[in-house]
Amino acid sequence: MTWHGTQHKPSAKRTSRGIPVTPAGTLWVMGDLKKMSPRWLVGVSILGYGCSLSVGLGIPIPVLNEEIAEYTGVSDEEIFTQILDYGHDYPNGISRSLGQVSYAELKSGTIQLNGVDIQTVPLSSMVRAREIATTLKEWISRGEFMLGEPQFTLPV
């Protein structure tokens, strides 16, 4: 992790627990492409959005006290995102949310929008996320990935 990403927005609206309900935290990451596995770095095309990059990334968060445990112990029912129209609104520069859903709702495979059931498909993979977490844990356990003091904190 190098710094905050270009779309980092710490002032985003949040729940009473401090969980963002609109896009908020983004990261700027840097790495050596020659050493990266194509399993974790894939070019994608999203209809209405365009080309992008799907990156599998693991960031260790040392849980050193109860406060950190509380901030990291968030359920899918507590994480929200906005419903956007990438088919019409986004390509035409229209910035609006059609609604808000939790990650739990998205993972169920169907959400309701204006009384209509809409099928959902994830852009991320829990199977691969767990694989990344396991790999990172093994590296840390073997001393191949060292945890150090933070060099900076992200803007809040």
Protein backbone atom coordinates (compact mmCIF):
# COMPACT_ATOMS: atom_id res chain seq x y z
CA MET A 1 0.00 0.00 0.00
CA THR A 2 1.48 3.30 -1.08
CA TRP A 3 -1.12 5.95 -0.23
CA HIS A 4 -4.84 6.66 -0.52
CA GLY A 5 -6.48 6.13 -3.90
CA THR A 6 -7.76 8.78 -6.26
CA GLN A 7 -11.37 8.18 -5.18
CA HIS A 8 -10.63 8.17 -1.42
CA LYS A 9 -13.44 10.05 0.34
CA PRO A 10 -13.17 9.93 4.15
CA SER A 11 -16.05 12.41 4.50
CA ALA A 12 -18.56 9.90 3.03
CA LYS A 13 -21.84 9.38 4.89
CA ARG A 14 -21.53 6.66 7.56
CA THR A 15 -23.70 4.55 9.86
CA SER A 16 -23.73 5.05 13.62
CA ARG A 17 -20.88 2.46 13.80
CA GLY A 18 -18.78 4.49 11.35
CA ILE A 19 -19.32 2.15 8.39
CA PRO A 20 -19.55 4.03 5.06
CA VAL A 21 -22.83 3.77 3.11
CA THR A 22 -21.31 5.28 -0.04
CA PRO A 23 -17.87 4.68 -1.56
CA ALA A 24 -15.29 5.96 0.92
CA GLY A 25 -11.90 4.29 1.31
CA THR A 26 -9.68 3.51 -1.63
CA LEU A 27 -6.01 2.55 -1.69
CA TRP A 28 -3.13 3.32 -4.00
CA VAL A 29 -1.04 0.16 -4.29
CA MET A 30 2.20 -0.47 -6.10
CA GLY A 31 3.99 -3.67 -7.06
CA ASP A 32 6.29 -5.35 -9.52
CA LEU A 33 4.10 -6.72 -12.32
CA LYS A 34 6.85 -9.14 -13.37
CA LYS A 35 6.56 -10.88 -10.00
CA MET A 36 2.76 -10.96 -9.86
CA SER A 37 0.65 -13.99 -10.61
CA PRO A 38 -2.00 -13.66 -13.34
CA ARG A 39 -4.31 -15.50 -10.92
CA TRP A 40 -4.57 -12.27 -8.87
CA LEU A 41 -4.30 -9.62 -11.62
CA VAL A 42 -6.86 -9.78 -14.42
CA GLY A 43 -8.03 -7.26 -17.00
CA VAL A 44 -11.81 -6.91 -17.11
CA SER A 45 -14.38 -5.12 -19.25
CA ILE A 46 -17.55 -3.85 -17.60
CA LEU A 47 -20.40 -2.99 -19.95
CA GLY A 48 -21.11 0.74 -19.69
CA TYR A 49 -18.01 1.38 -17.58
CA GLY A 50 -15.15 0.19 -19.75
CA CYS A 51 -11.83 -1.45 -19.07
CA SER A 52 -10.60 -2.00 -15.55
CA LEU A 53 -8.31 -4.23 -13.55
CA SER A 54 -9.39 -6.89 -11.06
CA VAL A 55 -6.74 -7.19 -8.36
CA GLY A 56 -6.53 -9.84 -5.64
CA LEU A 57 -4.94 -8.10 -2.67
CA GLY A 58 -4.32 -9.09 0.94
CA ILE A 59 -3.55 -6.48 3.59
CA PRO A 60 -2.77 -7.69 7.11
CA ILE A 61 -4.57 -5.81 9.87
CA PRO A 62 -3.00 -6.47 13.27
CA VAL A 63 -5.88 -6.81 15.74
CA LEU A 64 -4.09 -5.42 18.80
CA ASN A 65 -7.01 -4.33 20.96
CA GLU A 66 -10.81 -4.39 21.32
CA GLU A 67 -11.30 -1.17 19.34
CA ILE A 68 -9.54 -2.59 16.28
CA ALA A 69 -11.46 -5.87 16.70
CA GLU A 70 -14.74 -3.91 16.72
CA TYR A 71 -13.82 -2.01 13.54
CA THR A 72 -12.78 -5.18 11.71
CA GLY A 73 -15.67 -7.35 12.96
CA VAL A 74 -18.27 -6.08 10.51
CA SER A 75 -20.93 -8.37 9.00
CA ASP A 76 -22.23 -8.32 5.45
CA GLU A 77 -25.55 -7.00 6.85
CA GLU A 78 -23.70 -3.87 8.02
CA ILE A 79 -21.81 -3.10 4.79
CA PHE A 80 -23.76 -1.14 2.18
CA THR A 81 -23.29 -0.06 -1.37
CA GLN A 82 -25.23 2.00 -3.86
CA ILE A 83 -27.14 0.64 -6.86
CA LEU A 84 -25.83 2.37 -9.99
CA ASP A 85 -26.93 2.18 -13.61
CA TYR A 86 -23.82 1.40 -15.66
CA GLY A 87 -25.94 0.79 -18.77
CA HIS A 88 -27.34 4.32 -19.09
CA ASP A 89 -26.51 6.74 -16.26
CA TYR A 90 -22.76 6.20 -15.97
CA PRO A 91 -21.90 6.47 -19.71
CA ASN A 92 -24.06 9.62 -19.89
CA GLY A 93 -22.43 11.31 -16.92
CA ILE A 94 -25.52 11.02 -14.69
CA SER A 95 -24.46 10.65 -11.07
CA ARG A 96 -27.23 9.13 -9.00
CA SER A 97 -27.98 6.18 -6.79
CA LEU A 98 -31.01 4.04 -7.59
CA GLY A 99 -31.00 2.61 -4.09
CA GLN A 100 -28.90 1.12 -1.35
CA VAL A 101 -28.36 -2.56 -0.55
CA SER A 102 -26.27 -4.51 1.91
CA TYR A 103 -23.59 -6.97 0.90
CA ALA A 104 -25.77 -9.68 2.45
CA GLU A 105 -28.56 -8.77 0.03
CA LEU A 106 -26.14 -8.80 -2.91
CA LYS A 107 -24.72 -12.17 -1.90
CA SER A 108 -28.23 -13.63 -1.72
CA GLY A 109 -28.30 -13.50 -5.53
CA THR A 110 -31.34 -11.21 -5.84
CA ILE A 111 -32.18 -7.65 -4.83
CA GLN A 112 -35.41 -5.71 -5.16
CA LEU A 113 -35.38 -2.52 -7.24
CA ASN A 114 -38.67 -0.66 -7.69
CA GLY A 115 -40.57 -3.81 -6.76
CA VAL A 116 -38.75 -5.96 -9.32
CA ASP A 117 -36.41 -8.84 -8.44
CA ILE A 118 -32.99 -8.24 -10.02
CA GLN A 119 -30.38 -10.99 -10.22
CA THR A 120 -26.98 -10.05 -8.77
CA VAL A 121 -23.53 -11.30 -9.73
CA PRO A 122 -20.43 -10.57 -7.60
CA LEU A 123 -17.37 -8.76 -8.88
CA SER A 124 -15.35 -10.37 -6.11
CA SER A 125 -14.87 -13.94 -4.95
CA MET A 126 -15.10 -15.04 -1.31
CA VAL A 127 -13.30 -18.27 -2.26
CA ARG A 128 -10.34 -16.33 -3.66
CA ALA A 129 -10.44 -13.80 -0.81
CA ARG A 130 -10.09 -16.65 1.68
CA GLU A 131 -7.28 -18.14 -0.41
CA ILE A 132 -5.44 -14.80 -0.32
CA ALA A 133 -5.99 -14.51 3.46
CA THR A 134 -4.66 -18.05 4.00
CA THR A 135 -1.61 -17.39 1.81
CA LEU A 136 -0.87 -14.14 3.67
CA LYS A 137 -1.26 -15.89 7.04
CA GLU A 138 1.19 -18.61 5.94
CA TRP A 139 3.74 -16.01 4.74
CA ILE A 140 3.52 -14.17 8.07
CA SER A 141 3.81 -17.44 10.04
CA ARG A 142 6.93 -18.47 8.07
CA GLY A 143 8.49 -15.00 8.42
CA GLU A 144 8.28 -14.34 4.66
CA PHE A 145 6.06 -11.29 5.14
CA MET A 146 7.07 -9.02 7.97
CA LEU A 147 4.68 -6.69 9.74
CA GLY A 148 6.14 -3.30 10.51
CA GLU A 149 5.16 -0.01 12.04
CA PRO A 150 2.80 2.10 9.90
CA GLN A 151 4.74 4.64 7.85
CA PHE A 152 1.68 6.91 7.60
CA THR A 153 -2.07 6.88 8.19
CA LEU A 154 -4.72 7.49 5.58
CA PRO A 155 -6.59 10.82 5.60
CA VAL A 156 -9.73 10.64 7.76
